[in-house]
């Protein structure tokens, strides 16, 4: 697991705003310190030098206000890419 960053606040739509230490791809799954699924990366905003990551909370049992100040993690697995062929 790789460190995604520290949760700064949350938006009106209950998205978490995370101060990024690394830059994952949109759609990556996000976990808390207990390795339970919190949500996924929804968007990356802000300056290139120090971006912020919006995390869409997908777990109904997690309250966004409880995660403020906590560190979140992501898998950071390399995806097998390549060019897709059209038919």
PDB file of N, CA and C in Angstrom:
ATOM      1  N   UNK A   1       0.836  -1.172   0.000  1.00  0.00           N
ATOM      2  CA  UNK A   1       0.000   0.000   0.000  1.00  0.00           C
ATOM      3  C   UNK A   1       0.890   1.248   0.000  1.00  0.00           C
ATOM      4  N   UNK A   2       0.424   2.244  -0.723  1.00  0.00           N
ATOM      5  CA  UNK A   2       1.163   3.493  -0.819  1.00  0.00           C
ATOM      6  C   UNK A   2       0.335   4.609  -0.193  1.00  0.00           C
ATOM      7  N   UNK A   3       1.012   5.590   0.383  1.00  0.00           N
ATOM      8  CA  UNK A   3       0.331   6.702   1.039  1.00  0.00           C
ATOM      9  C   UNK A   3      -0.247   7.629  -0.027  1.00  0.00           C
ATOM     10  N   UNK A   4      -1.536   7.900   0.081  1.00  0.00           N
ATOM     11  CA  UNK A   4      -2.190   8.843  -0.823  1.00  0.00           C
ATOM     12  C   UNK A   4      -2.033  10.260  -0.291  1.00  0.00           C
ATOM     13  N   UNK A   5      -2.273  10.463   0.991  1.00  0.00           N
ATOM     14  CA  UNK A   5      -2.129  11.777   1.602  1.00  0.00           C
ATOM     15  C   UNK A   5      -3.039  11.927   2.803  1.00  0.00           C
ATOM     16  N   UNK A   6      -3.043  13.140   3.363  1.00  0.00           N
ATOM     17  CA  UNK A   6      -3.826  13.445   4.553  1.00  0.00           C
ATOM     18  C   UNK A   6      -5.119  14.156   4.151  1.00  0.00           C
ATOM     19  N   UNK A   7      -6.223  13.755   4.765  1.00  0.00           N
ATOM     20  CA  UNK A   7      -7.527  14.353   4.483  1.00  0.00           C
ATOM     21  C   UNK A   7      -7.564  15.749   5.099  1.00  0.00           C
ATOM     22  N   UNK A   8      -7.861  16.759   4.273  1.00  0.00           N
ATOM     23  CA  UNK A   8      -7.929  18.143   4.747  1.00  0.00           C
ATOM     24  C   UNK A   8      -9.350  18.528   5.169  1.00  0.00           C
ATOM     25  N   UNK A   9     -10.338  18.237   4.316  1.00  0.00           N
ATOM     26  CA  UNK A   9     -11.719  18.589   4.589  1.00  0.00           C
ATOM     27  C   UNK A   9     -12.621  17.748   3.692  1.00  0.00           C
ATOM     28  N   UNK A  10     -13.908  18.058   3.700  1.00  0.00           N
ATOM     29  CA  UNK A  10     -14.831  17.394   2.794  1.00  0.00           C
ATOM     30  C   UNK A  10     -15.764  18.433   2.194  1.00  0.00           C
ATOM     31  N   UNK A  11     -16.326  18.119   1.025  1.00  0.00           N
ATOM     32  CA  UNK A  11     -17.170  19.063   0.304  1.00  0.00           C
ATOM     33  C   UNK A  11     -18.636  18.852   0.672  1.00  0.00           C
ATOM     34  N   UNK A  12     -19.493  19.684   0.101  1.00  0.00           N
ATOM     35  CA  UNK A  12     -20.932  19.555   0.332  1.00  0.00           C
ATOM     36  C   UNK A  12     -21.474  18.233  -0.197  1.00  0.00           C
ATOM     37  N   UNK A  13     -20.819  17.710  -1.245  1.00  0.00           N
ATOM     38  CA  UNK A  13     -21.237  16.439  -1.843  1.00  0.00           C
ATOM     39  C   UNK A  13     -20.646  15.237  -1.128  1.00  0.00           C
ATOM     40  N   UNK A  14     -20.037  15.461   0.034  1.00  0.00           N
ATOM     41  CA  UNK A  14     -19.423  14.407   0.852  1.00  0.00           C
ATOM     42  C   UNK A  14     -18.201  13.778   0.186  1.00  0.00           C
ATOM     43  N   UNK A  15     -17.513  14.539  -0.689  1.00  0.00           N
ATOM     44  CA  UNK A  15     -16.241  14.093  -1.248  1.00  0.00           C
ATOM     45  C   UNK A  15     -15.130  14.548  -0.314  1.00  0.00           C
ATOM     46  N   UNK A  16     -14.140  13.699  -0.092  1.00  0.00           N
ATOM     47  CA  UNK A  16     -13.009  14.056   0.744  1.00  0.00           C
ATOM     48  C   UNK A  16     -11.979  14.806  -0.078  1.00  0.00           C
ATOM     49  N   UNK A  17     -11.387  15.849   0.482  1.00  0.00           N
ATOM     50  CA  UNK A  17     -10.306  16.591  -0.160  1.00  0.00           C
ATOM     51  C   UNK A  17      -9.012  16.158   0.522  1.00  0.00           C
ATOM     52  N   UNK A  18      -8.134  15.521  -0.255  1.00  0.00           N
ATOM     53  CA  UNK A  18      -6.902  14.945   0.282  1.00  0.00           C
ATOM     54  C   UNK A  18      -5.709  15.711  -0.278  1.00  0.00           C
ATOM     55  N   UNK A  19      -4.805  16.133   0.610  1.00  0.00           N
ATOM     56  CA  UNK A  19      -3.565  16.771   0.187  1.00  0.00           C
ATOM     57  C   UNK A  19      -2.629  15.655  -0.275  1.00  0.00           C
ATOM     58  N   UNK A  20      -2.346  15.619  -1.562  1.00  0.00           N
ATOM     59  CA  UNK A  20      -1.683  14.467  -2.163  1.00  0.00           C
ATOM     60  C   UNK A  20      -0.191  14.427  -1.879  1.00  0.00           C
ATOM     61  N   UNK A  21       0.306  13.233  -1.577  1.00  0.00           N
ATOM     62  CA  UNK A  21       1.742  13.006  -1.501  1.00  0.00           C
ATOM     63  C   UNK A  21       2.202  12.278  -2.762  1.00  0.00           C
ATOM     64  N   UNK A  22       1.281  11.580  -3.422  1.00  0.00           N
ATOM     65  CA  UNK A  22       1.525  10.940  -4.711  1.00  0.00           C
ATOM     66  C   UNK A  22       0.315  11.189  -5.596  1.00  0.00           C
ATOM     67  N   UNK A  23       0.493  10.973  -6.887  1.00  0.00           N
ATOM     68  CA  UNK A  23      -0.594  11.245  -7.822  1.00  0.00           C
ATOM     69  C   UNK A  23      -1.071   9.946  -8.466  1.00  0.00           C
ATOM     70  N   UNK A  24      -2.191   9.406  -7.967  1.00  0.00           N
ATOM     71  CA  UNK A  24      -2.741   8.181  -8.567  1.00  0.00           C
ATOM     72  C   UNK A  24      -3.615   8.502  -9.772  1.00  0.00           C
ATOM     73  N   UNK A  25      -4.081   7.480 -10.439  1.00  0.00           N
ATOM     74  CA  UNK A  25      -5.006   7.655 -11.551  1.00  0.00           C
ATOM     75  C   UNK A  25      -6.426   7.813 -11.017  1.00  0.00           C
ATOM     76  N   UNK A  26      -7.242   8.476 -11.800  1.00  0.00           N
ATOM     77  CA  UNK A  26      -8.657   8.601 -11.449  1.00  0.00           C
ATOM     78  C   UNK A  26      -9.280   7.209 -11.511  1.00  0.00           C
ATOM     79  N   UNK A  27     -10.035   6.851 -10.494  1.00  0.00           N
ATOM     80  CA  UNK A  27     -10.680   5.545 -10.425  1.00  0.00           C
ATOM     81  C   UNK A  27      -9.988   4.555  -9.509  1.00  0.00           C
ATOM     82  N   UNK A  28      -8.803   4.891  -9.002  1.00  0.00           N
ATOM     83  CA  UNK A  28      -8.093   3.996  -8.081  1.00  0.00           C
ATOM     84  C   UNK A  28      -8.855   3.898  -6.762  1.00  0.00           C
ATOM     85  N   UNK A  29      -8.836   2.731  -6.156  1.00  0.00           N
ATOM     86  CA  UNK A  29      -9.503   2.517  -4.869  1.00  0.00           C
ATOM     87  C   UNK A  29      -8.669   3.113  -3.744  1.00  0.00           C
ATOM     88  N   UNK A  30      -9.372   3.666  -2.736  1.00  0.00           N
ATOM     89  CA  UNK A  30      -8.721   4.330  -1.613  1.00  0.00           C
ATOM     90  C   UNK A  30      -9.114   3.611  -0.326  1.00  0.00           C
ATOM     91  N   UNK A  31      -8.120   3.420   0.571  1.00  0.00           N
ATOM     92  CA  UNK A  31      -8.315   2.678   1.813  1.00  0.00           C
ATOM     93  C   UNK A  31      -7.888   3.534   2.997  1.00  0.00           C
ATOM     94  N   UNK A  32      -8.390   3.171   4.202  1.00  0.00           N
ATOM     95  CA  UNK A  32      -7.958   3.849   5.415  1.00  0.00           C
ATOM     96  C   UNK A  32      -6.854   3.037   6.086  1.00  0.00           C
ATOM     97  N   UNK A  33      -6.470   3.414   7.303  1.00  0.00           N
ATOM     98  CA  UNK A  33      -5.361   2.746   7.982  1.00  0.00           C
ATOM     99  C   UNK A  33      -5.686   1.300   8.373  1.00  0.00           C
ATOM    100  N   UNK A  34      -6.973   0.966   8.465  1.00  0.00           N
ATOM    101  CA  UNK A  34      -7.382  -0.398   8.782  1.00  0.00           C
ATOM    102  C   UNK A  34      -7.572  -1.248   7.534  1.00  0.00           C
ATOM    103  N   UNK A  35      -7.205  -0.693   6.387  1.00  0.00           N
ATOM    104  CA  UNK A  35      -7.290  -1.333   5.074  1.00  0.00           C
ATOM    105  C   UNK A  35      -8.724  -1.665   4.665  1.00  0.00           C
ATOM    106  N   UNK A  36      -9.668  -0.879   5.151  1.00  0.00           N
ATOM    107  CA  UNK A  36     -11.041  -1.032   4.683  1.00  0.00           C
ATOM    108  C   UNK A  36     -11.289   0.007   3.594  1.00  0.00           C
ATOM    109  N   UNK A  37     -12.071  -0.356   2.625  1.00  0.00           N
ATOM    110  CA  UNK A  37     -12.316   0.481   1.462  1.00  0.00           C
ATOM    111  C   UNK A  37     -13.097   1.726   1.862  1.00  0.00           C
ATOM    112  N   UNK A  38     -12.570   2.892   1.486  1.00  0.00           N
ATOM    113  CA  UNK A  38     -13.234   4.166   1.758  1.00  0.00           C
ATOM    114  C   UNK A  38     -14.003   4.619   0.530  1.00  0.00           C
ATOM    115  N   UNK A  39     -13.369   4.557  -0.622  1.00  0.00           N
ATOM    116  CA  UNK A  39     -13.989   5.019  -1.858  1.00  0.00           C
ATOM    117  C   UNK A  39     -13.000   4.919  -3.005  1.00  0.00           C
ATOM    118  N   UNK A  40     -13.108   5.879  -3.941  1.00  0.00           N
ATOM    119  CA  UNK A  40     -12.210   5.880  -5.087  1.00  0.00           C
ATOM    120  C   UNK A  40     -11.853   7.311  -5.465  1.00  0.00           C
ATOM    121  N   UNK A  41     -10.754   7.451  -6.207  1.00  0.00           N
ATOM    122  CA  UNK A  41     -10.295   8.765  -6.647  1.00  0.00           C
ATOM    123  C   UNK A  41     -11.271   9.276  -7.690  1.00  0.00           C
ATOM    124  N   UNK A  42     -11.879  10.418  -7.405  1.00  0.00           N
ATOM    125  CA  UNK A  42     -12.910  10.994  -8.253  1.00  0.00           C
ATOM    126  C   UNK A  42     -12.323  12.037  -9.202  1.00  0.00           C
ATOM    127  N   UNK A  43     -11.383  12.848  -8.697  1.00  0.00           N
ATOM    128  CA  UNK A  43     -10.804  13.913  -9.516  1.00  0.00           C
ATOM    129  C   UNK A  43      -9.509  14.384  -8.871  1.00  0.00           C
ATOM    130  N   UNK A  44      -8.653  15.013  -9.680  1.00  0.00           N
ATOM    131  CA  UNK A  44      -7.416  15.617  -9.191  1.00  0.00           C
ATOM    132  C   UNK A  44      -7.479  17.094  -9.547  1.00  0.00           C
ATOM    133  N   UNK A  45      -7.357  17.959  -8.533  1.00  0.00           N
ATOM    134  CA  UNK A  45      -7.505  19.392  -8.749  1.00  0.00           C
ATOM    135  C   UNK A  45      -6.316  20.140  -8.167  1.00  0.00           C
ATOM    136  N   UNK A  46      -6.200  21.414  -8.511  1.00  0.00           N
ATOM    137  CA  UNK A  46      -5.188  22.268  -7.921  1.00  0.00           C
ATOM    138  C   UNK A  46      -3.933  22.356  -8.758  1.00  0.00           C
ATOM    139  N   UNK A  47      -2.891  22.966  -8.200  1.00  0.00           N
ATOM    140  CA  UNK A  47      -1.643  23.144  -8.934  1.00  0.00           C
ATOM    141  C   UNK A  47      -0.898  21.821  -9.129  1.00  0.00           C
ATOM    142  N   UNK A  48      -0.068  21.797 -10.149  1.00  0.00           N
ATOM    143  CA  UNK A  48       0.667  20.566 -10.474  1.00  0.00           C
ATOM    144  C   UNK A  48       1.674  20.227  -9.383  1.00  0.00           C
ATOM    145  N   UNK A  49       2.286  21.234  -8.776  1.00  0.00           N
ATOM    146  CA  UNK A  49       3.310  20.997  -7.752  1.00  0.00           C
ATOM    147  C   UNK A  49       2.749  20.386  -6.479  1.00  0.00           C
ATOM    148  N   UNK A  50       1.549  20.772  -6.091  1.00  0.00           N
ATOM    149  CA  UNK A  50       0.930  20.232  -4.875  1.00  0.00           C
ATOM    150  C   UNK A  50      -0.570  20.040  -5.118  1.00  0.00           C
ATOM    151  N   UNK A  51      -0.936  18.958  -5.804  1.00  0.00           N
ATOM    152  CA  UNK A  51      -2.355  18.756  -6.142  1.00  0.00           C
ATOM    153  C   UNK A  51      -3.175  18.273  -4.949  1.00  0.00           C
ATOM    154  N   UNK A  52      -4.475  18.429  -5.091  1.00  0.00           N
ATOM    155  CA  UNK A  52      -5.436  17.879  -4.146  1.00  0.00           C
ATOM    156  C   UNK A  52      -6.240  16.814  -4.872  1.00  0.00           C
ATOM    157  N   UNK A  53      -6.635  15.791  -4.138  1.00  0.00           N
ATOM    158  CA  UNK A  53      -7.366  14.674  -4.723  1.00  0.00           C
ATOM    159  C   UNK A  53      -8.750  14.627  -4.092  1.00  0.00           C
ATOM    160  N   UNK A  54      -9.763  14.528  -4.929  1.00  0.00           N
ATOM    161  CA  UNK A  54     -11.123  14.351  -4.440  1.00  0.00           C
ATOM    162  C   UNK A  54     -11.419  12.861  -4.396  1.00  0.00           C
ATOM    163  N   UNK A  55     -11.836  12.386  -3.233  1.00  0.00           N
ATOM    164  CA  UNK A  55     -12.153  10.970  -3.040  1.00  0.00           C
ATOM    165  C   UNK A  55     -13.654  10.853  -2.825  1.00  0.00           C
ATOM    166  N   UNK A  56     -14.319  10.103  -3.686  1.00  0.00           N
ATOM    167  CA  UNK A  56     -15.756   9.853  -3.572  1.00  0.00           C
ATOM    168  C   UNK A  56     -15.944   8.703  -2.589  1.00  0.00           C
ATOM    169  N   UNK A  57     -16.629   8.970  -1.482  1.00  0.00           N
ATOM    170  CA  UNK A  57     -16.854   7.950  -0.457  1.00  0.00           C
ATOM    171  C   UNK A  57     -17.943   7.007  -0.955  1.00  0.00           C
ATOM    172  N   UNK A  58     -17.599   5.729  -1.084  1.00  0.00           N
ATOM    173  CA  UNK A  58     -18.564   4.749  -1.588  1.00  0.00           C
ATOM    174  C   UNK A  58     -19.134   3.879  -0.476  1.00  0.00           C
ATOM    175  N   UNK A  59     -18.536   3.908   0.686  1.00  0.00           N
ATOM    176  CA  UNK A  59     -18.999   3.114   1.814  1.00  0.00           C
ATOM    177  C   UNK A  59     -19.997   3.937   2.621  1.00  0.00           C
ATOM    178  N   UNK A  60     -21.214   3.456   2.755  1.00  0.00           N
ATOM    179  CA  UNK A  60     -22.273   4.178   3.470  1.00  0.00           C
ATOM    180  C   UNK A  60     -21.991   4.294   4.969  1.00  0.00           C
ATOM    181  N   UNK A  61     -21.199   3.384   5.522  1.00  0.00           N
ATOM    182  CA  UNK A  61     -20.945   3.363   6.965  1.00  0.00           C
ATOM    183  C   UNK A  61     -19.906   4.385   7.403  1.00  0.00           C
ATOM    184  N   UNK A  62     -19.168   4.960   6.462  1.00  0.00           N
ATOM    185  CA  UNK A  62     -18.101   5.897   6.796  1.00  0.00           C
ATOM    186  C   UNK A  62     -18.621   7.326   6.723  1.00  0.00           C
ATOM    187  N   UNK A  63     -18.393   8.084   7.785  1.00  0.00           N
ATOM    188  CA  UNK A  63     -18.763   9.492   7.809  1.00  0.00           C
ATOM    189  C   UNK A  63     -17.532  10.313   7.414  1.00  0.00           C
ATOM    190  N   UNK A  64     -17.657  11.195   6.422  1.00  0.00           N
ATOM    191  CA  UNK A  64     -16.498  11.969   5.951  1.00  0.00           C
ATOM    192  C   UNK A  64     -15.867  12.840   7.037  1.00  0.00           C
ATOM    193  N   UNK A  65     -16.670  13.377   7.935  1.00  0.00           N
ATOM    194  CA  UNK A  65     -16.117  14.241   8.981  1.00  0.00           C
ATOM    195  C   UNK A  65     -15.222  13.475   9.955  1.00  0.00           C
ATOM    196  N   UNK A  66     -15.394  12.178  10.049  1.00  0.00           N
ATOM    197  CA  UNK A  66     -14.568  11.365  10.940  1.00  0.00           C
ATOM    198  C   UNK A  66     -13.173  11.113  10.366  1.00  0.00           C
ATOM    199  N   UNK A  67     -12.997  11.326   9.073  1.00  0.00           N
ATOM    200  CA  UNK A  67     -11.716  11.046   8.427  1.00  0.00           C
ATOM    201  C   UNK A  67     -10.808  12.266   8.317  1.00  0.00           C
ATOM    202  N   UNK A  68     -11.255  13.431   8.752  1.00  0.00           N
ATOM    203  CA  UNK A  68     -10.432  14.640   8.644  1.00  0.00           C
ATOM    204  C   UNK A  68      -9.180  14.485   9.504  1.00  0.00           C
ATOM    205  N   UNK A  69      -8.023  14.714   8.890  1.00  0.00           N
ATOM    206  CA  UNK A  69      -6.738  14.574   9.575  1.00  0.00           C
ATOM    207  C   UNK A  69      -6.129  13.196   9.458  1.00  0.00           C
ATOM    208  N   UNK A  70      -6.865  12.216   8.955  1.00  0.00           N
ATOM    209  CA  UNK A  70      -6.367  10.840   8.814  1.00  0.00           C
ATOM    210  C   UNK A  70      -5.594  10.689   7.503  1.00  0.00           C
ATOM    211  N   UNK A  71      -4.741   9.700   7.452  1.00  0.00           N
ATOM    212  CA  UNK A  71      -3.978   9.403   6.243  1.00  0.00           C
ATOM    213  C   UNK A  71      -4.681   8.286   5.487  1.00  0.00           C
ATOM    214  N   UNK A  72      -4.826   8.466   4.187  1.00  0.00           N
ATOM    215  CA  UNK A  72      -5.452   7.466   3.317  1.00  0.00           C
ATOM    216  C   UNK A  72      -4.400   6.821   2.432  1.00  0.00           C
ATOM    217  N   UNK A  73      -4.717   5.617   1.966  1.00  0.00           N
ATOM    218  CA  UNK A  73      -3.776   4.818   1.185  1.00  0.00           C
ATOM    219  C   UNK A  73      -4.432   4.351  -0.107  1.00  0.00           C
ATOM    220  N   UNK A  74      -3.586   3.948  -1.061  1.00  0.00           N
ATOM    221  CA  UNK A  74      -4.058   3.339  -2.299  1.00  0.00           C
ATOM    222  C   UNK A  74      -3.105   2.216  -2.665  1.00  0.00           C
ATOM    223  N   UNK A  75      -3.561   1.323  -3.521  1.00  0.00           N
ATOM    224  CA  UNK A  75      -2.770   0.133  -3.848  1.00  0.00           C
ATOM    225  C   UNK A  75      -1.511   0.464  -4.634  1.00  0.00           C
ATOM    226  N   UNK A  76      -1.645   1.267  -5.647  1.00  0.00           N
ATOM    227  CA  UNK A  76      -0.474   1.649  -6.425  1.00  0.00           C
ATOM    228  C   UNK A  76       0.049   0.541  -7.317  1.00  0.00           C
ATOM    229  N   UNK A  77      -0.831  -0.368  -7.702  1.00  0.00           N
ATOM    230  CA  UNK A  77      -0.403  -1.448  -8.586  1.00  0.00           C
ATOM    231  C   UNK A  77      -0.259  -0.917 -10.002  1.00  0.00           C
ATOM    232  N   UNK A  78       0.675  -1.465 -10.698  1.00  0.00           N
ATOM    233  CA  UNK A  78       0.839  -1.066 -12.086  1.00  0.00           C
ATOM    234  C   UNK A  78      -0.181  -1.799 -12.936  1.00  0.00           C
ATOM    235  N   UNK A  79      -0.836  -1.030 -13.762  1.00  0.00           N
ATOM    236  CA  UNK A  79      -1.814  -1.629 -14.657  1.00  0.00           C
ATOM    237  C   UNK A  79      -1.110  -2.072 -15.929  1.00  0.00           C
ATOM    238  N   UNK A  80      -1.539  -3.178 -16.419  1.00  0.00           N
ATOM    239  CA  UNK A  80      -0.976  -3.649 -17.670  1.00  0.00           C
ATOM    240  C   UNK A  80      -1.674  -2.889 -18.780  1.00  0.00           C
ATOM    241  N   UNK A  81      -0.956  -2.005 -19.340  1.00  0.00           N
ATOM    242  CA  UNK A  81      -1.530  -1.150 -20.375  1.00  0.00           C
ATOM    243  C   UNK A  81      -1.210  -1.668 -21.757  1.00  0.00           C
ATOM    244  N   UNK A  82      -1.211  -0.777 -22.638  1.00  0.00           N
ATOM    245  CA  UNK A  82      -0.945  -1.125 -24.011  1.00  0.00           C
ATOM    246  C   UNK A  82      -2.009  -0.515 -24.887  1.00  0.00           C
ATOM    247  N   UNK A  83      -1.770  -0.621 -26.131  1.00  0.00           N
ATOM    248  CA  UNK A  83      -2.731  -0.059 -27.061  1.00  0.00           C
ATOM    249  C   UNK A  83      -3.880  -1.036 -27.260  1.00  0.00           C
ATOM    250  N   UNK A  84      -5.069  -0.478 -27.291  1.00  0.00           N
ATOM    251  CA  UNK A  84      -6.237  -1.308 -27.565  1.00  0.00           C
ATOM    252  C   UNK A  84      -6.498  -1.301 -29.046  1.00  0.00           C
ATOM    253  N   UNK A  85      -6.823  -2.440 -29.545  1.00  0.00           N
ATOM    254  CA  UNK A  85      -7.111  -2.539 -30.966  1.00  0.00           C
ATOM    255  C   UNK A  85      -8.584  -2.320 -31.229  1.00  0.00           C
ATOM    256  N   UNK A  86      -8.838  -1.630 -32.288  1.00  0.00           N
ATOM    257  CA  UNK A  86     -10.226  -1.468 -32.715  1.00  0.00           C
ATOM    258  C   UNK A  86     -10.583  -2.593 -33.646  1.00  0.00           C
ATOM    259  N   UNK A  87     -11.830  -2.900 -33.638  1.00  0.00           N
ATOM    260  CA  UNK A  87     -12.296  -3.942 -34.553  1.00  0.00           C
ATOM    261  C   UNK A  87     -12.788  -3.346 -35.818  1.00  0.00           C
TER     262      UNK A  87
END
